[in-house]
Protein backbone atom coordinates (compact mmCIF):
# COMPACT_ATOMS: atom_id res chain seq x y z
CA MET A 1 -8.83 8.17 -22.52
CA ILE A 2 -10.74 7.02 -19.47
CA SER A 3 -12.64 10.30 -19.32
CA LYS A 4 -14.11 9.58 -22.77
CA VAL A 5 -15.50 6.26 -21.55
CA VAL A 6 -16.58 7.20 -18.04
CA GLY A 7 -17.35 10.88 -18.30
CA PRO A 8 -15.81 14.02 -16.82
CA LYS A 9 -18.10 14.04 -13.77
CA TYR A 10 -16.94 10.62 -12.60
CA VAL A 11 -13.30 11.40 -13.35
CA ALA A 12 -13.57 14.47 -11.09
CA ILE A 13 -15.16 12.35 -8.36
CA ALA A 14 -12.41 9.73 -8.67
CA LYS A 15 -9.70 12.41 -8.47
CA SER A 16 -11.23 13.80 -5.29
CA TRP A 17 -11.17 10.31 -3.71
CA MET A 18 -7.50 9.56 -4.54
CA PRO A 19 -6.00 10.96 -1.29
CA THR A 20 -8.52 9.03 0.78
CA LEU A 21 -7.81 5.82 -1.10
CA ALA A 22 -4.08 6.34 -0.66
CA VAL A 23 -4.46 6.74 3.11
CA TRP A 24 -6.70 3.67 3.42
CA GLY A 25 -4.33 1.67 1.21
CA THR A 26 -1.37 2.63 3.36
CA ALA A 27 -3.26 1.78 6.54
CA GLY A 28 -4.29 -1.55 5.04
CA GLY A 29 -0.70 -2.33 4.10
CA VAL A 30 0.53 -1.52 7.60
CA ALA A 31 -2.27 -3.66 9.08
CA LEU A 32 -1.33 -6.54 6.77
CA VAL A 33 2.29 -6.40 7.91
CA HIS A 34 1.22 -6.09 11.54
CA PHE A 35 -1.22 -9.00 11.61
CA THR A 36 0.71 -11.41 9.41
CA ASP A 37 4.17 -12.87 9.73
CA TRP A 38 5.86 -9.48 9.69
CA ARG A 39 9.39 -10.89 9.69
CA LEU A 40 8.64 -12.72 6.45
CA ILE A 41 7.49 -9.49 4.80
CA LEU A 42 10.10 -7.19 6.32
CA GLU A 43 13.05 -9.37 5.33
CA TYR A 44 12.68 -7.88 1.83
CA VAL A 45 13.14 -4.31 3.15
CA PRO A 46 16.87 -3.60 2.77
CA TYR A 47 17.55 -1.63 5.97
CA ILE A 48 15.46 -3.83 8.25
CA SER A 49 16.44 -7.21 6.79
CA GLY A 50 19.81 -7.23 8.55
CA LYS A 51 18.12 -7.35 11.95
CA PHE A 52 16.59 -10.79 11.29
CA LYS A 53 19.68 -12.74 10.22
CA ASP A 54 20.07 -16.03 12.05
CA ASP A 55 23.56 -17.01 13.19
CA GLU A 56 23.55 -20.67 12.20
């Protein structure tokens, strides 16, 4: 459906950029976790969340 609106040339260009966008998106996500409050984000990851439990 999108190829009818955009055109086959631009769909082919977008498909060729998908791996690059995936790598940059992953790197951006890792950078976001690294530079923000990473414990706040990683407490929602099931395996890692047990490491941050407070004994109160």
